[in-house]
Amino acid sequence: MLAWVLALGVVLLGPGVAEAGRSRTQYTGVVNLNEATEAELDRLPGVGMKAVQRILEYRQKRPFKRIEELVRVKGFGKKKFQKLKPYLTLTGPSTLKVEQTRTTEAPKQSKR
């Protein structure tokens, strides 16, 4: 009975009310395309393990001379490159950190 009442309460309150705070991902730092490990490359936003493997294969053949060369790697077009550009470097250590932050937005009320 309690489960039914809780379910009914969620339905009556509408979507979004049960989720009081949302999480937001924040990226700080950079990744060195020529020296980053598999794990460091995997931290880049929107880059999965297949893309990481392609980057590693590319740089085994020849190191990146410019970060813009990333578009030569399959799966990385101009749009994706522009999103990643602030997090890419060819000098220094990889320092990219990924943090989940909670936002305290007011819940959205459904219109009925």
PDB file of N, CA and C in Angstrom:
ATOM      1  N   MET A   1       0.821  -1.200   0.000  1.00  0.00           N
ATOM      2  CA  MET A   1       0.000   0.000   0.000  1.00  0.00           C
ATOM      3  C   MET A   1       0.868   1.270   0.000  1.00  0.00           C
ATOM      4  N   LEU A   2       1.945   1.245   0.800  1.00  0.00           N
ATOM      5  CA  LEU A   2       2.830   2.398   0.881  1.00  0.00           C
ATOM      6  C   LEU A   2       3.472   2.695  -0.470  1.00  0.00           C
ATOM      7  N   ALA A   3       3.899   1.648  -1.183  1.00  0.00           N
ATOM      8  CA  ALA A   3       4.505   1.836  -2.502  1.00  0.00           C
ATOM      9  C   ALA A   3       3.516   2.469  -3.460  1.00  0.00           C
ATOM     10  N   TRP A   4       2.263   2.077  -3.403  1.00  0.00           N
ATOM     11  CA  TRP A   4       1.223   2.632  -4.268  1.00  0.00           C
ATOM     12  C   TRP A   4       1.021   4.111  -3.964  1.00  0.00           C
ATOM     13  N   VAL A   5       1.020   4.465  -2.687  1.00  0.00           N
ATOM     14  CA  VAL A   5       0.842   5.864  -2.283  1.00  0.00           C
ATOM     15  C   VAL A   5       2.032   6.698  -2.748  1.00  0.00           C
ATOM     16  N   LEU A   6       3.258   6.168  -2.602  1.00  0.00           N
ATOM     17  CA  LEU A   6       4.439   6.903  -3.062  1.00  0.00           C
ATOM     18  C   LEU A   6       4.404   7.085  -4.573  1.00  0.00           C
ATOM     19  N   ALA A   7       4.029   6.042  -5.302  1.00  0.00           N
ATOM     20  CA  ALA A   7       3.940   6.129  -6.761  1.00  0.00           C
ATOM     21  C   ALA A   7       2.896   7.160  -7.156  1.00  0.00           C
ATOM     22  N   LEU A   8       1.779   7.154  -6.491  1.00  0.00           N
ATOM     23  CA  LEU A   8       0.716   8.115  -6.775  1.00  0.00           C
ATOM     24  C   LEU A   8       1.201   9.533  -6.492  1.00  0.00           C
ATOM     25  N   GLY A   9       1.980   9.713  -5.430  1.00  0.00           N
ATOM     26  CA  GLY A   9       2.515  11.032  -5.092  1.00  0.00           C
ATOM     27  C   GLY A   9       3.446  11.553  -6.172  1.00  0.00           C
ATOM     28  N   VAL A  10       4.283  10.689  -6.724  1.00  0.00           N
ATOM     29  CA  VAL A  10       5.191  11.098  -7.793  1.00  0.00           C
ATOM     30  C   VAL A  10       4.398  11.465  -9.034  1.00  0.00           C
ATOM     31  N   VAL A  11       3.369  10.710  -9.352  1.00  0.00           N
ATOM     32  CA  VAL A  11       2.540  10.992 -10.521  1.00  0.00           C
ATOM     33  C   VAL A  11       1.825  12.323 -10.350  1.00  0.00           C
ATOM     34  N   LEU A  12       1.279  12.573  -9.156  1.00  0.00           N
ATOM     35  CA  LEU A  12       0.543  13.813  -8.924  1.00  0.00           C
ATOM     36  C   LEU A  12       1.461  15.036  -8.929  1.00  0.00           C
ATOM     37  N   LEU A  13       2.661  14.883  -8.407  1.00  0.00           N
ATOM     38  CA  LEU A  13       3.581  16.009  -8.365  1.00  0.00           C
ATOM     39  C   LEU A  13       4.154  16.318  -9.734  1.00  0.00           C
ATOM     40  N   GLY A  14       4.243  15.320 -10.579  1.00  0.00           N
ATOM     41  CA  GLY A  14       4.737  15.545 -11.931  1.00  0.00           C
ATOM     42  C   GLY A  14       6.215  15.276 -12.055  1.00  0.00           C
ATOM     43  N   PRO A  15       6.703  15.243 -13.292  1.00  0.00           N
ATOM     44  CA  PRO A  15       8.116  14.963 -13.523  1.00  0.00           C
ATOM     45  C   PRO A  15       8.995  16.105 -13.050  1.00  0.00           C
ATOM     46  N   GLY A  16      10.180  15.765 -12.614  1.00  0.00           N
ATOM     47  CA  GLY A  16      11.126  16.788 -12.194  1.00  0.00           C
ATOM     48  C   GLY A  16      11.073  17.108 -10.716  1.00  0.00           C
ATOM     49  N   VAL A  17       9.965  16.811 -10.058  1.00  0.00           N
ATOM     50  CA  VAL A  17       9.856  17.139  -8.648  1.00  0.00           C
ATOM     51  C   VAL A  17      10.678  16.172  -7.811  1.00  0.00           C
ATOM     52  N   ALA A  18      10.715  14.911  -8.202  1.00  0.00           N
ATOM     53  CA  ALA A  18      11.463  13.911  -7.451  1.00  0.00           C
ATOM     54  C   ALA A  18      12.961  14.161  -7.536  1.00  0.00           C
ATOM     55  N   GLU A  19      13.422  14.815  -8.594  1.00  0.00           N
ATOM     56  CA  GLU A  19      14.849  15.083  -8.763  1.00  0.00           C
ATOM     57  C   GLU A  19      15.150  16.526  -8.374  1.00  0.00           C
ATOM     58  N   ALA A  20      15.409  16.742  -7.104  1.00  0.00           N
ATOM     59  CA  ALA A  20      15.590  18.098  -6.596  1.00  0.00           C
ATOM     60  C   ALA A  20      16.859  18.756  -7.135  1.00  0.00           C
ATOM     61  N   GLY A  21      17.968  18.023  -7.188  1.00  0.00           N
ATOM     62  CA  GLY A  21      19.211  18.598  -7.681  1.00  0.00           C
ATOM     63  C   GLY A  21      19.731  17.796  -8.853  1.00  0.00           C
ATOM     64  N   ARG A  22      20.300  18.468  -9.811  1.00  0.00           N
ATOM     65  CA  ARG A  22      20.873  17.792 -10.971  1.00  0.00           C
ATOM     66  C   ARG A  22      22.382  17.885 -10.873  1.00  0.00           C
ATOM     67  N   SER A  23      23.061  16.918 -11.478  1.00  0.00           N
ATOM     68  CA  SER A  23      24.515  16.983 -11.461  1.00  0.00           C
ATOM     69  C   SER A  23      25.016  17.572 -12.779  1.00  0.00           C
ATOM     70  N   ARG A  24      26.127  18.253 -12.684  1.00  0.00           N
ATOM     71  CA  ARG A  24      26.731  18.899 -13.837  1.00  0.00           C
ATOM     72  C   ARG A  24      28.199  18.489 -13.847  1.00  0.00           C
ATOM     73  N   THR A  25      28.715  18.170 -15.010  1.00  0.00           N
ATOM     74  CA  THR A  25      30.103  17.769 -15.125  1.00  0.00           C
ATOM     75  C   THR A  25      30.953  18.981 -15.483  1.00  0.00           C
ATOM     76  N   GLN A  26      32.022  19.181 -14.723  1.00  0.00           N
ATOM     77  CA  GLN A  26      32.918  20.308 -14.963  1.00  0.00           C
ATOM     78  C   GLN A  26      34.310  19.764 -15.255  1.00  0.00           C
ATOM     79  N   TYR A  27      34.917  20.258 -16.329  1.00  0.00           N
ATOM     80  CA  TYR A  27      36.253  19.837 -16.741  1.00  0.00           C
ATOM     81  C   TYR A  27      37.235  20.975 -16.525  1.00  0.00           C
ATOM     82  N   THR A  28      38.379  20.652 -15.908  1.00  0.00           N
ATOM     83  CA  THR A  28      39.442  21.640 -15.737  1.00  0.00           C
ATOM     84  C   THR A  28      40.773  20.983 -16.073  1.00  0.00           C
ATOM     85  N   GLY A  29      41.651  21.723 -16.712  1.00  0.00           N
ATOM     86  CA  GLY A  29      42.960  21.208 -17.069  1.00  0.00           C
ATOM     87  C   GLY A  29      43.033  20.833 -18.536  1.00  0.00           C
ATOM     88  N   VAL A  30      44.116  20.162 -18.905  1.00  0.00           N
ATOM     89  CA  VAL A  30      44.368  19.797 -20.299  1.00  0.00           C
ATOM     90  C   VAL A  30      44.897  18.370 -20.393  1.00  0.00           C
ATOM     91  N   VAL A  31      44.840  17.829 -21.613  1.00  0.00           N
ATOM     92  CA  VAL A  31      45.391  16.507 -21.908  1.00  0.00           C
ATOM     93  C   VAL A  31      46.450  16.688 -22.990  1.00  0.00           C
ATOM     94  N   ASN A  32      47.629  16.159 -22.746  1.00  0.00           N
ATOM     95  CA  ASN A  32      48.712  16.198 -23.723  1.00  0.00           C
ATOM     96  C   ASN A  32      48.481  15.067 -24.718  1.00  0.00           C
ATOM     97  N   LEU A  33      48.139  15.410 -25.948  1.00  0.00           N
ATOM     98  CA  LEU A  33      47.798  14.409 -26.965  1.00  0.00           C
ATOM     99  C   LEU A  33      48.935  13.430 -27.254  1.00  0.00           C
ATOM    100  N   ASN A  34      50.174  13.848 -27.095  1.00  0.00           N
ATOM    101  CA  ASN A  34      51.311  12.985 -27.411  1.00  0.00           C
ATOM    102  C   ASN A  34      51.775  12.117 -26.245  1.00  0.00           C
ATOM    103  N   GLU A  35      51.396  12.468 -25.032  1.00  0.00           N
ATOM    104  CA  GLU A  35      51.914  11.739 -23.875  1.00  0.00           C
ATOM    105  C   GLU A  35      50.841  11.148 -22.968  1.00  0.00           C
ATOM    106  N   ALA A  36      49.595  11.488 -23.176  1.00  0.00           N
ATOM    107  CA  ALA A  36      48.520  11.051 -22.288  1.00  0.00           C
ATOM    108  C   ALA A  36      48.348   9.531 -22.315  1.00  0.00           C
ATOM    109  N   THR A  37      48.015   9.000 -21.156  1.00  0.00           N
ATOM    110  CA  THR A  37      47.716   7.573 -21.057  1.00  0.00           C
ATOM    111  C   THR A  37      46.305   7.330 -21.585  1.00  0.00           C
ATOM    112  N   GLU A  38      45.971   6.067 -21.708  1.00  0.00           N
ATOM    113  CA  GLU A  38      44.626   5.678 -22.136  1.00  0.00           C
ATOM    114  C   GLU A  38      43.576   6.274 -21.203  1.00  0.00           C
ATOM    115  N   ALA A  39      43.809   6.187 -19.903  1.00  0.00           N
ATOM    116  CA  ALA A  39      42.861   6.704 -18.912  1.00  0.00           C
ATOM    117  C   ALA A  39      42.715   8.222 -19.013  1.00  0.00           C
ATOM    118  N   GLU A  40      43.829   8.926 -19.249  1.00  0.00           N
ATOM    119  CA  GLU A  40      43.772  10.393 -19.349  1.00  0.00           C
ATOM    120  C   GLU A  40      42.996  10.818 -20.596  1.00  0.00           C
ATOM    121  N   LEU A  41      43.196  10.131 -21.707  1.00  0.00           N
ATOM    122  CA  LEU A  41      42.448  10.451 -22.929  1.00  0.00           C
ATOM    123  C   LEU A  41      40.964  10.150 -22.752  1.00  0.00           C
ATOM    124  N   ASP A  42      40.665   9.112 -21.998  1.00  0.00           N
ATOM    125  CA  ASP A  42      39.271   8.711 -21.771  1.00  0.00           C
ATOM    126  C   ASP A  42      38.501   9.749 -20.954  1.00  0.00           C
ATOM    127  N   ARG A  43      39.194  10.613 -20.236  1.00  0.00           N
ATOM    128  CA  ARG A  43      38.532  11.666 -19.445  1.00  0.00           C
ATOM    129  C   ARG A  43      37.998  12.805 -20.308  1.00  0.00           C
ATOM    130  N   LEU A  44      38.489  12.907 -21.546  1.00  0.00           N
ATOM    131  CA  LEU A  44      38.022  13.990 -22.421  1.00  0.00           C
ATOM    132  C   LEU A  44      36.513  13.878 -22.629  1.00  0.00           C
ATOM    133  N   PRO A  45      35.807  14.999 -22.618  1.00  0.00           N
ATOM    134  CA  PRO A  45      34.350  14.952 -22.773  1.00  0.00           C
ATOM    135  C   PRO A  45      33.937  14.403 -24.140  1.00  0.00           C
ATOM    136  N   GLY A  46      33.079  13.394 -24.125  1.00  0.00           N
ATOM    137  CA  GLY A  46      32.551  12.829 -25.364  1.00  0.00           C
ATOM    138  C   GLY A  46      33.494  11.876 -26.074  1.00  0.00           C
ATOM    139  N   VAL A  47      34.585  11.493 -25.423  1.00  0.00           N
ATOM    140  CA  VAL A  47      35.557  10.583 -26.036  1.00  0.00           C
ATOM    141  C   VAL A  47      35.489   9.239 -25.315  1.00  0.00           C
ATOM    142  N   GLY A  48      35.149   8.196 -26.064  1.00  0.00           N
ATOM    143  CA  GLY A  48      35.056   6.857 -25.503  1.00  0.00           C
ATOM    144  C   GLY A  48      36.298   6.042 -25.805  1.00  0.00           C
ATOM    145  N   MET A  49      36.267   4.788 -25.392  1.00  0.00           N
ATOM    146  CA  MET A  49      37.441   3.932 -25.541  1.00  0.00           C
ATOM    147  C   MET A  49      37.815   3.662 -26.999  1.00  0.00           C
ATOM    148  N   LYS A  50      36.850   3.549 -27.891  1.00  0.00           N
ATOM    149  CA  LYS A  50      37.180   3.339 -29.307  1.00  0.00           C
ATOM    150  C   LYS A  50      37.960   4.536 -29.848  1.00  0.00           C
ATOM    151  N   ALA A  51      37.516   5.723 -29.518  1.00  0.00           N
ATOM    152  CA  ALA A  51      38.197   6.935 -29.970  1.00  0.00           C
ATOM    153  C   ALA A  51      39.585   7.037 -29.340  1.00  0.00           C
ATOM    154  N   VAL A  52      39.705   6.646 -28.084  1.00  0.00           N
ATOM    155  CA  VAL A  52      41.002   6.655 -27.408  1.00  0.00           C
ATOM    156  C   VAL A  52      41.969   5.734 -28.152  1.00  0.00           C
ATOM    157  N   GLN A  53      41.497   4.545 -28.517  1.00  0.00           N
ATOM    158  CA  GLN A  53      42.349   3.599 -29.245  1.00  0.00           C
ATOM    159  C   GLN A  53      42.805   4.184 -30.583  1.00  0.00           C
ATOM    160  N   ARG A  54      41.919   4.897 -31.253  1.00  0.00           N
ATOM    161  CA  ARG A  54      42.279   5.517 -32.539  1.00  0.00           C
ATOM    162  C   ARG A  54      43.344   6.600 -32.354  1.00  0.00           C
ATOM    163  N   ILE A  55      43.230   7.376 -31.274  1.00  0.00           N
ATOM    164  CA  ILE A  55      44.235   8.411 -30.989  1.00  0.00           C
ATOM    165  C   ILE A  55      45.586   7.746 -30.734  1.00  0.00           C
ATOM    166  N   LEU A  56      45.581   6.687 -29.929  1.00  0.00           N
ATOM    167  CA  LEU A  56      46.830   5.989 -29.612  1.00  0.00           C
ATOM    168  C   LEU A  56      47.466   5.390 -30.866  1.00  0.00           C
ATOM    169  N   GLU A  57      46.652   4.814 -31.742  1.00  0.00           N
ATOM    170  CA  GLU A  57      47.157   4.246 -33.001  1.00  0.00           C
ATOM    171  C   GLU A  57      47.749   5.343 -33.890  1.00  0.00           C
ATOM    172  N   TYR A  58      47.063   6.485 -33.975  1.00  0.00           N
ATOM    173  CA  TYR A  58      47.537   7.599 -34.801  1.00  0.00           C
ATOM    174  C   TYR A  58      48.905   8.079 -34.313  1.00  0.00           C
ATOM    175  N   ARG A  59      49.011   8.292 -33.013  1.00  0.00           N
ATOM    176  CA  ARG A  59      50.260   8.870 -32.501  1.00  0.00           C
ATOM    177  C   ARG A  59      51.411   7.872 -32.485  1.00  0.00           C
ATOM    178  N   GLN A  60      51.122   6.559 -32.597  1.00  0.00           N
ATOM    179  CA  GLN A  60      52.207   5.582 -32.743  1.00  0.00           C
ATOM    180  C   GLN A  60      52.880   5.736 -34.101  1.00  0.00           C
ATOM    181  N   LYS A  61      52.079   6.076 -35.111  1.00  0.00           N
ATOM    182  CA  LYS A  61      52.616   6.266 -36.464  1.00  0.00           C
ATOM    183  C   LYS A  61      53.385   7.574 -36.566  1.00  0.00           C
ATOM    184  N   ARG A  62      52.815   8.626 -35.986  1.00  0.00           N
ATOM    185  CA  ARG A  62      53.473   9.932 -35.998  1.00  0.00           C
ATOM    186  C   ARG A  62      52.889  10.788 -34.863  1.00  0.00           C
ATOM    187  N   PRO A  63      53.748  11.466 -34.135  1.00  0.00           N
ATOM    188  CA  PRO A  63      53.241  12.321 -33.049  1.00  0.00           C
ATOM    189  C   PRO A  63      52.491  13.529 -33.617  1.00  0.00           C
ATOM    190  N   PHE A  64      51.587  14.035 -32.825  1.00  0.00           N
ATOM    191  CA  PHE A  64      50.854  15.242 -33.211  1.00  0.00           C
ATOM    192  C   PHE A  64      51.815  16.422 -33.187  1.00  0.00           C
ATOM    193  N   LYS A  65      51.797  17.219 -34.253  1.00  0.00           N
ATOM    194  CA  LYS A  65      52.600  18.441 -34.297  1.00  0.00           C
ATOM    195  C   LYS A  65      51.751  19.651 -33.941  1.00  0.00           C
ATOM    196  N   ARG A  66      50.443  19.527 -34.189  1.00  0.00           N
ATOM    197  CA  ARG A  66      49.460  20.566 -33.839  1.00  0.00           C
ATOM    198  C   ARG A  66      48.211  19.860 -33.330  1.00  0.00           C
ATOM    199  N   ILE A  67      47.521  20.475 -32.382  1.00  0.00           N
ATOM    200  CA  ILE A  67      46.306  19.825 -31.847  1.00  0.00           C
ATOM    201  C   ILE A  67      45.235  19.683 -32.925  1.00  0.00           C
ATOM    202  N   GLU A  68      45.276  20.553 -33.934  1.00  0.00           N
ATOM    203  CA  GLU A  68      44.287  20.510 -35.017  1.00  0.00           C
ATOM    204  C   GLU A  68      44.363  19.210 -35.821  1.00  0.00           C
ATOM    205  N   GLU A  69      45.477  18.502 -35.730  1.00  0.00           N
ATOM    206  CA  GLU A  69      45.632  17.233 -36.434  1.00  0.00           C
ATOM    207  C   GLU A  69      44.674  16.165 -35.893  1.00  0.00           C
ATOM    208  N   LEU A  70      44.065  16.415 -34.775  1.00  0.00           N
ATOM    209  CA  LEU A  70      43.110  15.450 -34.209  1.00  0.00           C
ATOM    210  C   LEU A  70      41.982  15.152 -35.196  1.00  0.00           C
ATOM    211  N   VAL A  71      41.640  16.101 -36.050  1.00  0.00           N
ATOM    212  CA  VAL A  71      40.559  15.869 -37.021  1.00  0.00           C
ATOM    213  C   VAL A  71      40.944  14.814 -38.060  1.00  0.00           C
ATOM    214  N   ARG A  72      42.214  14.448 -38.127  1.00  0.00           N
ATOM    215  CA  ARG A  72      42.646  13.382 -39.036  1.00  0.00           C
ATOM    216  C   ARG A  72      42.348  11.994 -38.467  1.00  0.00           C
ATOM    217  N   VAL A  73      42.025  11.935 -37.176  1.00  0.00           N
ATOM    218  CA  VAL A  73      41.691  10.671 -36.520  1.00  0.00           C
ATOM    219  C   VAL A  73      40.212  10.387 -36.755  1.00  0.00           C
ATOM    220  N   LYS A  74      39.914   9.164 -37.195  1.00  0.00           N
ATOM    221  CA  LYS A  74      38.530   8.791 -37.483  1.00  0.00           C
ATOM    222  C   LYS A  74      37.648   9.045 -36.260  1.00  0.00           C
ATOM    223  N   GLY A  75      36.505   9.685 -36.488  1.00  0.00           N
ATOM    224  CA  GLY A  75      35.567   9.975 -35.410  1.00  0.00           C
ATOM    225  C   GLY A  75      35.686  11.376 -34.845  1.00  0.00           C
ATOM    226  N   PHE A  76      36.688  12.126 -35.298  1.00  0.00           N
ATOM    227  CA  PHE A  76      36.878  13.487 -34.805  1.00  0.00           C
ATOM    228  C   PHE A  76      36.741  14.471 -35.956  1.00  0.00           C
ATOM    229  N   GLY A  77      35.605  15.127 -35.994  1.00  0.00           N
ATOM    230  CA  GLY A  77      35.380  16.150 -37.002  1.00  0.00           C
ATOM    231  C   GLY A  77      35.652  17.529 -36.427  1.00  0.00           C
ATOM    232  N   LYS A  78      35.341  18.538 -37.204  1.00  0.00           N
ATOM    233  CA  LYS A  78      35.595  19.917 -36.773  1.00  0.00           C
ATOM    234  C   LYS A  78      34.766  20.291 -35.549  1.00  0.00           C
ATOM    235  N   LYS A  79      33.499  19.845 -35.519  1.00  0.00           N
ATOM    236  CA  LYS A  79      32.631  20.175 -34.388  1.00  0.00           C
ATOM    237  C   LYS A  79      33.169  19.589 -33.085  1.00  0.00           C
ATOM    238  N   LYS A  80      33.498  18.318 -33.137  1.00  0.00           N
ATOM    239  CA  LYS A  80      34.003  17.649 -31.938  1.00  0.00           C
ATOM    240  C   LYS A  80      35.333  18.265 -31.508  1.00  0.00           C
ATOM    241  N   PHE A  81      36.178  18.571 -32.487  1.00  0.00           N
ATOM    242  CA  PHE A  81      37.453  19.203 -32.167  1.00  0.00           C
ATOM    243  C   PHE A  81      37.244  20.535 -31.441  1.00  0.00           C
ATOM    244  N   GLN A  82      36.298  21.346 -31.929  1.00  0.00           N
ATOM    245  CA  GLN A  82      36.047  22.645 -31.296  1.00  0.00           C
ATOM    246  C   GLN A  82      35.616  22.492 -29.841  1.00  0.00           C
ATOM    247  N   LYS A  83      34.844  21.425 -29.548  1.00  0.00           N
ATOM    248  CA  LYS A  83      34.432  21.183 -28.157  1.00  0.00           C
ATOM    249  C   LYS A  83      35.613  20.753 -27.295  1.00  0.00           C
ATOM    250  N   LEU A  84      36.546  20.011 -27.891  1.00  0.00           N
ATOM    251  CA  LEU A  84      37.689  19.483 -27.141  1.00  0.00           C
ATOM    252  C   LEU A  84      38.868  20.449 -27.063  1.00  0.00           C
ATOM    253  N   LYS A  85      38.932  21.395 -27.975  1.00  0.00           N
ATOM    254  CA  LYS A  85      40.088  22.296 -28.112  1.00  0.00           C
ATOM    255  C   LYS A  85      40.570  22.906 -26.790  1.00  0.00           C
ATOM    256  N   PRO A  86      39.687  23.378 -25.916  1.00  0.00           N
ATOM    257  CA  PRO A  86      40.172  23.977 -24.663  1.00  0.00           C
ATOM    258  C   PRO A  86      40.904  22.989 -23.749  1.00  0.00           C
ATOM    259  N   TYR A  87      40.723  21.703 -23.991  1.00  0.00           N
ATOM    260  CA  TYR A  87      41.297  20.684 -23.113  1.00  0.00           C
ATOM    261  C   TYR A  87      42.505  19.977 -23.731  1.00  0.00           C
ATOM    262  N   LEU A  88      42.972  20.442 -24.882  1.00  0.00           N
ATOM    263  CA  LEU A  88      44.059  19.775 -25.593  1.00  0.00           C
ATOM    264  C   LEU A  88      45.342  20.603 -25.566  1.00  0.00           C
ATOM    265  N   THR A  89      46.472  19.901 -25.470  1.00  0.00           N
ATOM    266  CA  THR A  89      47.780  20.545 -25.529  1.00  0.00           C
ATOM    267  C   THR A  89      48.789  19.539 -26.081  1.00  0.00           C
ATOM    268  N   LEU A  90      49.959  20.039 -26.450  1.00  0.00           N
ATOM    269  CA  LEU A  90      51.061  19.184 -26.899  1.00  0.00           C
ATOM    270  C   LEU A  90      52.278  19.338 -25.995  1.00  0.00           C
ATOM    271  N   THR A  91      52.168  20.200 -24.987  1.00  0.00           N
ATOM    272  CA  THR A  91      53.284  20.439 -24.077  1.00  0.00           C
ATOM    273  C   THR A  91      52.840  20.245 -22.635  1.00  0.00           C
ATOM    274  N   GLY A  92      53.767  19.873 -21.803  1.00  0.00           N
ATOM    275  CA  GLY A  92      53.481  19.740 -20.378  1.00  0.00           C
ATOM    276  C   GLY A  92      52.689  18.489 -20.046  1.00  0.00           C
ATOM    277  N   PRO A  93      52.410  18.325 -18.756  1.00  0.00           N
ATOM    278  CA  PRO A  93      51.698  17.131 -18.312  1.00  0.00           C
ATOM    279  C   PRO A  93      50.190  17.233 -18.550  1.00  0.00           C
ATOM    280  N   SER A  94      49.534  16.078 -18.552  1.00  0.00           N
ATOM    281  CA  SER A  94      48.066  16.036 -18.622  1.00  0.00           C
ATOM    282  C   SER A  94      47.527  16.310 -17.228  1.00  0.00           C
ATOM    283  N   THR A  95      46.648  17.296 -17.128  1.00  0.00           N
ATOM    284  CA  THR A  95      46.124  17.715 -15.823  1.00  0.00           C
ATOM    285  C   THR A  95      44.607  17.708 -15.767  1.00  0.00           C
ATOM    286  N   LEU A  96      43.944  17.119 -16.776  1.00  0.00           N
ATOM    287  CA  LEU A  96      42.488  17.187 -16.856  1.00  0.00           C
ATOM    288  C   LEU A  96      41.826  16.511 -15.663  1.00  0.00           C
ATOM    289  N   LYS A  97      40.941  17.240 -15.011  1.00  0.00           N
ATOM    290  CA  LYS A  97      40.166  16.729 -13.886  1.00  0.00           C
ATOM    291  C   LYS A  97      38.691  16.838 -14.246  1.00  0.00           C
ATOM    292  N   VAL A  98      37.936  15.828 -13.859  1.00  0.00           N
ATOM    293  CA  VAL A  98      36.501  15.805 -14.112  1.00  0.00           C
ATOM    294  C   VAL A  98      35.797  15.815 -12.763  1.00  0.00           C
ATOM    295  N   GLU A  99      34.928  16.795 -12.555  1.00  0.00           N
ATOM    296  CA  GLU A  99      34.204  16.918 -11.293  1.00  0.00           C
ATOM    297  C   GLU A  99      32.708  16.946 -11.549  1.00  0.00           C
ATOM    298  N   GLN A 100      31.980  16.216 -10.715  1.00  0.00           N
ATOM    299  CA  GLN A 100      30.520  16.244 -10.762  1.00  0.00           C
ATOM    300  C   GLN A 100      30.059  17.241  -9.705  1.00  0.00           C
ATOM    301  N   THR A 101      29.324  18.258 -10.113  1.00  0.00           N
ATOM    302  CA  THR A 101      28.796  19.231  -9.163  1.00  0.00           C
ATOM    303  C   THR A 101      27.286  19.155  -9.173  1.00  0.00           C
ATOM    304  N   ARG A 102      26.686  19.345  -8.030  1.00  0.00           N
ATOM    305  CA  ARG A 102      25.233  19.313  -7.917  1.00  0.00           C
ATOM    306  C   ARG A 102      24.705  20.737  -8.041  1.00  0.00           C
ATOM    307  N   THR A 103      23.706  20.906  -8.873  1.00  0.00           N
ATOM    308  CA  THR A 103      23.059  22.212  -8.984  1.00  0.00           C
ATOM    309  C   THR A 103      21.801  22.167  -8.149  1.00  0.00           C
ATOM    310  N   THR A 104      21.419  23.291  -7.641  1.00  0.00           N
ATOM    311  CA  THR A 104      20.232  23.345  -6.801  1.00  0.00           C
ATOM    312  C   THR A 104      19.156  24.160  -7.494  1.00  0.00           C
ATOM    313  N   GLU A 105      18.816  23.704  -8.686  1.00  0.00           N
ATOM    314  CA  GLU A 105      17.759  24.380  -9.437  1.00  0.00           C
ATOM    315  C   GLU A 105      16.414  24.074  -8.801  1.00  0.00           C
ATOM    316  N   ALA A 106      15.511  25.008  -8.909  1.00  0.00           N
ATOM    317  CA  ALA A 106      14.160  24.759  -8.435  1.00  0.00           C
ATOM    318  C   ALA A 106      13.506  23.736  -9.364  1.00  0.00           C
ATOM    319  N   PRO A 107      12.781  22.785  -8.802  1.00  0.00           N
ATOM    320  CA  PRO A 107      12.135  21.776  -9.642  1.00  0.00           C
ATOM    321  C   PRO A 107      11.117  22.419 -10.590  1.00  0.00           C
ATOM    322  N   LYS A 108      11.040  21.870 -11.785  1.00  0.00           N
ATOM    323  CA  LYS A 108      10.089  22.380 -12.766  1.00  0.00           C
ATOM    324  C   LYS A 108       8.710  21.797 -12.472  1.00  0.00           C
ATOM    325  N   GLN A 109       7.725  22.643 -12.530  1.00  0.00           N
ATOM    326  CA  GLN A 109       6.349  22.196 -12.311  1.00  0.00           C
ATOM    327  C   GLN A 109       5.724  21.822 -13.645  1.00  0.00           C
ATOM    328  N   SER A 110       5.009  20.718 -13.656  1.00  0.00           N
ATOM    329  CA  SER A 110       4.351  20.319 -14.912  1.00  0.00           C
ATOM    330  C   SER A 110       3.066  21.110 -15.081  1.00  0.00           C
ATOM    331  N   LYS A 111       2.754  21.386 -16.335  1.00  0.00           N
ATOM    332  CA  LYS A 111       1.530  22.144 -16.648  1.00  0.00           C
ATOM    333  C   LYS A 111       0.439  21.140 -17.001  1.00  0.00           C
ATOM    334  N   ARG A 112      -0.632  21.176 -16.269  1.00  0.00           N
ATOM    335  CA  ARG A 112      -1.762  20.260 -16.520  1.00  0.00           C
ATOM    336  C   ARG A 112      -3.045  21.004 -16.596  1.00  0.00           C
TER     337      ARG A 112
END
